[in-house]
């Protein structure tokens, strides 16, 4: 039950952080390309790579801290549902190329973010 509490607290912090970042940096342009969600998901993927690789290879984090940070904070911070909705909105709005570009860029950028996070830990530790 304590793990559930840690996930919930982390999720709250992650969701509030995502909302705050999206309000501070409303990066939509005239094409309605959702740059803010793309940036948030990249940051989350990067942090996931950092945290997990650090915990696996350098210093094992306590399981409560790990679920707090990964499932809680990063799970609440990143947003696959918003990414999915924005992709569908672009496609249904007739912006097929932009929708596909967003979907492919999001997946590749976030995979790259995880690799970059892991790579930084490898480089410095």
N, C-alpha and C. Protein backbone atom coordinates (compact mmCIF):
# COMPACT_ATOMS: atom_id res chain seq x y z
N UNK A 1 0.82 -1.20 0.00
CA UNK A 1 0.00 0.00 0.00
C UNK A 1 0.86 1.27 0.00
N UNK A 2 2.02 1.17 0.63
CA UNK A 2 2.91 2.33 0.67
C UNK A 2 3.42 2.68 -0.73
N UNK A 3 3.65 1.67 -1.56
CA UNK A 3 4.07 1.94 -2.95
C UNK A 3 3.00 2.73 -3.69
N UNK A 4 1.76 2.40 -3.46
CA UNK A 4 0.65 3.12 -4.11
C UNK A 4 0.68 4.59 -3.70
N UNK A 5 0.95 4.85 -2.45
CA UNK A 5 1.04 6.23 -1.97
C UNK A 5 2.19 6.97 -2.67
N UNK A 6 3.34 6.31 -2.80
CA UNK A 6 4.48 6.93 -3.47
C UNK A 6 4.17 7.20 -4.95
N UNK A 7 3.51 6.26 -5.61
CA UNK A 7 3.13 6.47 -7.02
C UNK A 7 2.16 7.63 -7.12
N UNK A 8 1.19 7.69 -6.23
CA UNK A 8 0.20 8.77 -6.25
C UNK A 8 0.82 10.14 -6.01
N UNK A 9 1.70 10.23 -5.04
CA UNK A 9 2.37 11.50 -4.76
C UNK A 9 3.24 11.92 -5.94
N UNK A 10 3.96 10.97 -6.49
CA UNK A 10 4.79 11.27 -7.66
C UNK A 10 3.96 11.68 -8.85
N UNK A 11 2.84 10.98 -9.06
CA UNK A 11 1.95 11.32 -10.17
C UNK A 11 1.40 12.72 -10.04
N UNK A 12 1.05 13.11 -8.82
CA UNK A 12 0.58 14.47 -8.58
C UNK A 12 1.65 15.49 -8.96
N UNK A 13 2.87 15.26 -8.48
CA UNK A 13 3.96 16.19 -8.79
C UNK A 13 4.26 16.24 -10.29
N UNK A 14 4.24 15.07 -10.93
CA UNK A 14 4.51 15.03 -12.36
C UNK A 14 3.44 15.75 -13.17
N UNK A 15 2.17 15.51 -12.83
CA UNK A 15 1.06 16.14 -13.56
C UNK A 15 1.06 17.65 -13.37
N UNK A 16 1.31 18.10 -12.15
CA UNK A 16 1.36 19.53 -11.88
C UNK A 16 2.54 20.16 -12.60
N UNK A 17 3.66 19.46 -12.64
CA UNK A 17 4.83 19.97 -13.36
C UNK A 17 4.56 20.09 -14.85
N UNK A 18 3.89 19.07 -15.41
CA UNK A 18 3.55 19.11 -16.84
C UNK A 18 2.63 20.29 -17.12
N UNK A 19 1.62 20.47 -16.30
CA UNK A 19 0.69 21.58 -16.50
C UNK A 19 1.42 22.92 -16.40
N UNK A 20 2.27 23.05 -15.39
CA UNK A 20 3.02 24.30 -15.23
C UNK A 20 3.93 24.60 -16.40
N UNK A 21 4.60 23.57 -16.89
CA UNK A 21 5.49 23.75 -18.04
C UNK A 21 4.69 24.12 -19.30
N UNK A 22 3.55 23.49 -19.47
CA UNK A 22 2.74 23.80 -20.66
C UNK A 22 2.16 25.22 -20.58
N UNK A 23 1.93 25.73 -19.38
CA UNK A 23 1.44 27.11 -19.23
C UNK A 23 2.58 28.11 -19.39
N UNK A 24 3.76 27.74 -18.92
CA UNK A 24 4.91 28.64 -19.00
C UNK A 24 5.46 28.74 -20.42
N UNK A 25 5.35 27.64 -21.18
CA UNK A 25 5.89 27.60 -22.53
C UNK A 25 4.85 27.07 -23.51
N UNK A 26 3.84 27.88 -23.82
CA UNK A 26 2.84 27.43 -24.79
C UNK A 26 3.41 27.51 -26.21
N UNK A 27 4.04 26.44 -26.66
CA UNK A 27 4.82 26.47 -27.89
C UNK A 27 4.05 26.11 -29.16
N UNK A 28 2.74 26.28 -29.18
CA UNK A 28 2.01 25.99 -30.42
C UNK A 28 2.28 27.09 -31.42
N UNK A 29 2.51 26.68 -32.64
CA UNK A 29 2.75 27.66 -33.69
C UNK A 29 1.51 27.74 -34.59
N UNK A 30 1.63 28.44 -35.68
CA UNK A 30 0.49 28.61 -36.59
C UNK A 30 0.05 27.31 -37.24
N UNK A 31 0.92 26.32 -37.28
CA UNK A 31 0.57 25.02 -37.85
C UNK A 31 -0.14 24.13 -36.83
N UNK A 32 -0.24 24.60 -35.60
CA UNK A 32 -0.82 23.84 -34.49
C UNK A 32 0.00 22.60 -34.15
N UNK A 33 1.28 22.65 -34.43
CA UNK A 33 2.16 21.54 -34.08
C UNK A 33 2.38 21.55 -32.58
N UNK A 34 2.14 20.46 -31.89
CA UNK A 34 2.19 20.42 -30.42
C UNK A 34 3.62 20.29 -29.87
N UNK A 35 4.39 21.34 -30.02
CA UNK A 35 5.78 21.33 -29.57
C UNK A 35 5.91 21.10 -28.06
N UNK A 36 4.99 21.65 -27.27
CA UNK A 36 5.09 21.53 -25.82
C UNK A 36 4.99 20.07 -25.38
N UNK A 37 4.02 19.34 -25.91
CA UNK A 37 3.89 17.92 -25.56
C UNK A 37 5.10 17.15 -26.02
N UNK A 38 5.61 17.46 -27.19
CA UNK A 38 6.80 16.81 -27.71
C UNK A 38 7.98 17.04 -26.76
N UNK A 39 8.15 18.28 -26.32
CA UNK A 39 9.24 18.62 -25.40
C UNK A 39 9.06 17.91 -24.06
N UNK A 40 7.87 17.92 -23.52
CA UNK A 40 7.60 17.27 -22.23
C UNK A 40 7.89 15.78 -22.32
N UNK A 41 7.41 15.14 -23.37
CA UNK A 41 7.65 13.70 -23.50
C UNK A 41 9.13 13.37 -23.70
N UNK A 42 9.85 14.24 -24.41
CA UNK A 42 11.29 14.03 -24.56
C UNK A 42 12.00 14.17 -23.21
N UNK A 43 11.67 15.21 -22.46
CA UNK A 43 12.28 15.40 -21.15
C UNK A 43 12.01 14.19 -20.25
N UNK A 44 10.77 13.71 -20.27
CA UNK A 44 10.42 12.55 -19.46
C UNK A 44 11.19 11.31 -19.88
N UNK A 45 11.30 11.09 -21.18
CA UNK A 45 12.04 9.93 -21.68
C UNK A 45 13.52 10.03 -21.30
N UNK A 46 14.08 11.21 -21.45
CA UNK A 46 15.48 11.45 -21.08
C UNK A 46 15.69 11.15 -19.59
N UNK A 47 14.81 11.68 -18.75
CA UNK A 47 14.93 11.44 -17.30
C UNK A 47 14.75 9.97 -16.96
N UNK A 48 13.87 9.29 -17.67
CA UNK A 48 13.68 7.86 -17.44
C UNK A 48 14.98 7.11 -17.73
N UNK A 49 15.63 7.44 -18.82
CA UNK A 49 16.90 6.81 -19.14
C UNK A 49 17.95 7.08 -18.08
N UNK A 50 18.03 8.34 -17.62
CA UNK A 50 18.98 8.69 -16.57
C UNK A 50 18.73 7.90 -15.29
N UNK A 51 17.50 7.93 -14.82
CA UNK A 51 17.16 7.31 -13.54
C UNK A 51 17.35 5.80 -13.57
N UNK A 52 16.80 5.16 -14.60
CA UNK A 52 16.87 3.70 -14.63
C UNK A 52 18.31 3.21 -14.82
N UNK A 53 19.05 3.85 -15.69
CA UNK A 53 20.43 3.40 -15.90
C UNK A 53 21.28 3.67 -14.66
N UNK A 54 21.07 4.82 -14.04
CA UNK A 54 21.79 5.14 -12.80
C UNK A 54 21.49 4.08 -11.74
N UNK A 55 20.22 3.75 -11.59
CA UNK A 55 19.83 2.78 -10.56
C UNK A 55 20.32 1.37 -10.87
N UNK A 56 20.38 1.02 -12.15
CA UNK A 56 20.83 -0.32 -12.54
C UNK A 56 22.34 -0.45 -12.49
N UNK A 57 23.06 0.58 -12.88
CA UNK A 57 24.51 0.44 -13.09
C UNK A 57 25.37 1.15 -12.05
N UNK A 58 24.87 2.19 -11.40
CA UNK A 58 25.71 2.99 -10.53
C UNK A 58 25.34 2.79 -9.06
N UNK A 59 24.13 3.11 -8.71
CA UNK A 59 23.69 3.04 -7.33
C UNK A 59 22.22 2.64 -7.29
N UNK A 60 21.92 1.46 -6.81
CA UNK A 60 20.53 1.01 -6.79
C UNK A 60 19.67 1.91 -5.90
N UNK A 61 18.63 2.46 -6.47
CA UNK A 61 17.70 3.29 -5.71
C UNK A 61 16.72 2.40 -4.96
N UNK A 62 16.29 2.85 -3.81
CA UNK A 62 15.29 2.11 -3.04
C UNK A 62 14.04 1.95 -3.90
N UNK A 63 13.38 0.83 -3.79
CA UNK A 63 12.23 0.54 -4.65
C UNK A 63 11.13 1.59 -4.52
N UNK A 64 10.94 2.16 -3.33
CA UNK A 64 9.92 3.20 -3.16
C UNK A 64 10.30 4.47 -3.93
N UNK A 65 11.58 4.81 -3.87
CA UNK A 65 12.04 5.99 -4.61
C UNK A 65 11.94 5.75 -6.11
N UNK A 66 12.26 4.55 -6.53
CA UNK A 66 12.20 4.22 -7.96
C UNK A 66 10.78 4.31 -8.50
N UNK A 67 9.79 3.74 -7.79
CA UNK A 67 8.41 3.84 -8.27
C UNK A 67 7.89 5.27 -8.16
N UNK A 68 8.34 6.01 -7.14
CA UNK A 68 7.96 7.41 -7.00
C UNK A 68 8.42 8.21 -8.22
N UNK A 69 9.69 8.03 -8.60
CA UNK A 69 10.26 8.80 -9.70
C UNK A 69 9.77 8.36 -11.08
N UNK A 70 9.76 7.04 -11.32
CA UNK A 70 9.46 6.55 -12.67
C UNK A 70 7.96 6.45 -12.93
N UNK A 71 7.27 5.62 -12.18
CA UNK A 71 5.84 5.44 -12.41
C UNK A 71 5.06 6.68 -11.98
N UNK A 72 5.46 7.26 -10.85
CA UNK A 72 4.76 8.43 -10.33
C UNK A 72 5.08 9.71 -11.08
N UNK A 73 6.25 10.28 -10.79
CA UNK A 73 6.60 11.59 -11.35
C UNK A 73 6.63 11.56 -12.88
N UNK A 74 7.41 10.64 -13.45
CA UNK A 74 7.54 10.64 -14.91
C UNK A 74 6.27 10.14 -15.60
N UNK A 75 5.56 9.21 -14.96
CA UNK A 75 4.28 8.77 -15.51
C UNK A 75 3.25 9.88 -15.53
N UNK A 76 3.25 10.71 -14.49
CA UNK A 76 2.34 11.85 -14.44
C UNK A 76 2.80 13.01 -15.33
N UNK A 77 4.10 13.11 -15.52
CA UNK A 77 4.66 14.21 -16.31
C UNK A 77 4.47 13.99 -17.80
N UNK A 78 4.82 12.80 -18.27
CA UNK A 78 4.68 12.52 -19.70
C UNK A 78 3.23 12.18 -19.99
N UNK A 79 2.88 12.24 -21.25
CA UNK A 79 1.47 12.07 -21.56
C UNK A 79 1.25 11.44 -22.92
N UNK A 80 1.07 10.14 -22.92
CA UNK A 80 0.80 9.44 -24.16
C UNK A 80 -0.60 9.75 -24.68
N UNK A 81 -1.54 9.94 -23.77
CA UNK A 81 -2.90 10.23 -24.20
C UNK A 81 -2.99 11.58 -24.92
N UNK A 82 -2.28 12.59 -24.41
CA UNK A 82 -2.29 13.89 -25.09
C UNK A 82 -1.61 13.78 -26.44
N UNK A 83 -0.48 13.08 -26.50
CA UNK A 83 0.20 12.84 -27.77
C UNK A 83 -0.75 12.18 -28.77
N UNK A 84 -1.48 11.17 -28.32
CA UNK A 84 -2.41 10.45 -29.20
C UNK A 84 -3.52 11.37 -29.69
N UNK A 85 -4.11 12.15 -28.78
CA UNK A 85 -5.18 13.07 -29.15
C UNK A 85 -4.69 14.12 -30.15
N UNK A 86 -3.52 14.69 -29.89
CA UNK A 86 -3.00 15.71 -30.79
C UNK A 86 -2.69 15.14 -32.17
N UNK A 87 -2.20 13.91 -32.21
CA UNK A 87 -1.95 13.27 -33.50
C UNK A 87 -3.25 13.08 -34.27
N UNK A 88 -4.27 12.56 -33.61
CA UNK A 88 -5.58 12.36 -34.25
C UNK A 88 -6.17 13.69 -34.69
N UNK A 89 -6.05 14.72 -33.86
CA UNK A 89 -6.58 16.04 -34.24
C UNK A 89 -5.91 16.56 -35.51
N UNK A 90 -4.62 16.38 -35.62
CA UNK A 90 -3.92 16.80 -36.84
C UNK A 90 -4.40 16.00 -38.05
N UNK A 91 -4.50 14.68 -37.87
CA UNK A 91 -4.93 13.83 -38.99
C UNK A 91 -6.37 14.15 -39.40
N UNK A 92 -7.27 14.26 -38.43
CA UNK A 92 -8.67 14.56 -38.75
C UNK A 92 -8.86 15.98 -39.28
N UNK A 93 -7.92 16.86 -38.93
CA UNK A 93 -7.97 18.23 -39.43
C UNK A 93 -7.38 18.37 -40.83
N UNK A 94 -7.06 17.24 -41.45
CA UNK A 94 -6.54 17.27 -42.81
C UNK A 94 -5.04 17.52 -42.89
N UNK A 95 -4.38 17.60 -41.77
CA UNK A 95 -2.94 17.83 -41.76
C UNK A 95 -2.23 16.48 -41.63
N UNK A 96 -2.40 15.66 -42.66
CA UNK A 96 -1.92 14.28 -42.64
C UNK A 96 -0.39 14.23 -42.48
N UNK A 97 0.31 14.98 -43.29
CA UNK A 97 1.78 14.96 -43.23
C UNK A 97 2.27 15.44 -41.86
N UNK A 98 1.65 16.49 -41.35
CA UNK A 98 2.05 17.03 -40.05
C UNK A 98 1.74 16.03 -38.93
N UNK A 99 0.60 15.37 -39.01
CA UNK A 99 0.24 14.36 -38.02
C UNK A 99 1.21 13.19 -38.01
N UNK A 100 1.54 12.72 -39.21
CA UNK A 100 2.50 11.62 -39.30
C UNK A 100 3.89 12.05 -38.84
N UNK A 101 4.28 13.26 -39.21
CA UNK A 101 5.57 13.80 -38.77
C UNK A 101 5.62 13.86 -37.25
N UNK A 102 4.55 14.33 -36.64
CA UNK A 102 4.48 14.43 -35.18
C UNK A 102 4.58 13.06 -34.53
N UNK A 103 3.84 12.10 -35.05
CA UNK A 103 3.85 10.75 -34.47
C UNK A 103 5.24 10.12 -34.57
N UNK A 104 5.82 10.18 -35.74
CA UNK A 104 7.15 9.57 -35.94
C UNK A 104 8.20 10.32 -35.13
N UNK A 105 8.16 11.64 -35.15
CA UNK A 105 9.13 12.44 -34.40
C UNK A 105 9.01 12.17 -32.91
N UNK A 106 7.80 12.06 -32.40
CA UNK A 106 7.59 11.81 -30.97
C UNK A 106 8.21 10.48 -30.56
N UNK A 107 7.93 9.44 -31.31
CA UNK A 107 8.45 8.12 -30.96
C UNK A 107 9.97 8.11 -31.05
N UNK A 108 10.52 8.61 -32.15
CA UNK A 108 11.98 8.59 -32.32
C UNK A 108 12.69 9.48 -31.31
N UNK A 109 12.13 10.66 -31.06
CA UNK A 109 12.75 11.58 -30.12
C UNK A 109 12.74 11.00 -28.70
N UNK A 110 11.64 10.38 -28.31
CA UNK A 110 11.57 9.81 -26.96
C UNK A 110 12.46 8.58 -26.81
N UNK A 111 12.54 7.75 -27.84
CA UNK A 111 13.50 6.64 -27.79
C UNK A 111 14.92 7.19 -27.68
N UNK A 112 15.20 8.23 -28.45
CA UNK A 112 16.50 8.88 -28.38
C UNK A 112 16.75 9.50 -27.01
N UNK A 113 15.71 10.03 -26.40
CA UNK A 113 15.84 10.62 -25.06
C UNK A 113 16.27 9.59 -24.03
N UNK A 114 15.66 8.42 -24.08
CA UNK A 114 16.05 7.34 -23.15
C UNK A 114 17.51 6.96 -23.40
N UNK A 115 17.88 6.78 -24.66
CA UNK A 115 19.26 6.43 -24.98
C UNK A 115 20.24 7.51 -24.55
N UNK A 116 19.86 8.76 -24.74
CA UNK A 116 20.72 9.87 -24.34
C UNK A 116 20.90 9.89 -22.83
N UNK A 117 19.83 9.70 -22.09
CA UNK A 117 19.92 9.65 -20.64
C UNK A 117 20.84 8.54 -20.17
N UNK A 118 20.66 7.35 -20.74
CA UNK A 118 21.53 6.22 -20.38
C UNK A 118 22.97 6.52 -20.77
N UNK A 119 23.16 7.14 -21.93
CA UNK A 119 24.51 7.45 -22.40
C UNK A 119 25.23 8.43 -21.50
N UNK A 120 24.51 9.40 -20.98
CA UNK A 120 25.13 10.39 -20.08
C UNK A 120 25.60 9.71 -18.80
N UNK A 121 24.78 8.81 -18.28
CA UNK A 121 25.20 8.09 -17.08
C UNK A 121 26.43 7.25 -17.38
N UNK A 122 26.45 6.57 -18.52
CA UNK A 122 27.63 5.78 -18.91
C UNK A 122 28.87 6.65 -19.04
N UNK A 123 28.70 7.83 -19.60
CA UNK A 123 29.82 8.74 -19.84
C UNK A 123 30.44 9.25 -18.54
N UNK A 124 29.60 9.60 -17.58
CA UNK A 124 30.10 10.23 -16.37
C UNK A 124 30.30 9.27 -15.19
N UNK A 125 29.80 8.07 -15.31
CA UNK A 125 29.92 7.15 -14.16
C UNK A 125 30.56 5.85 -14.57
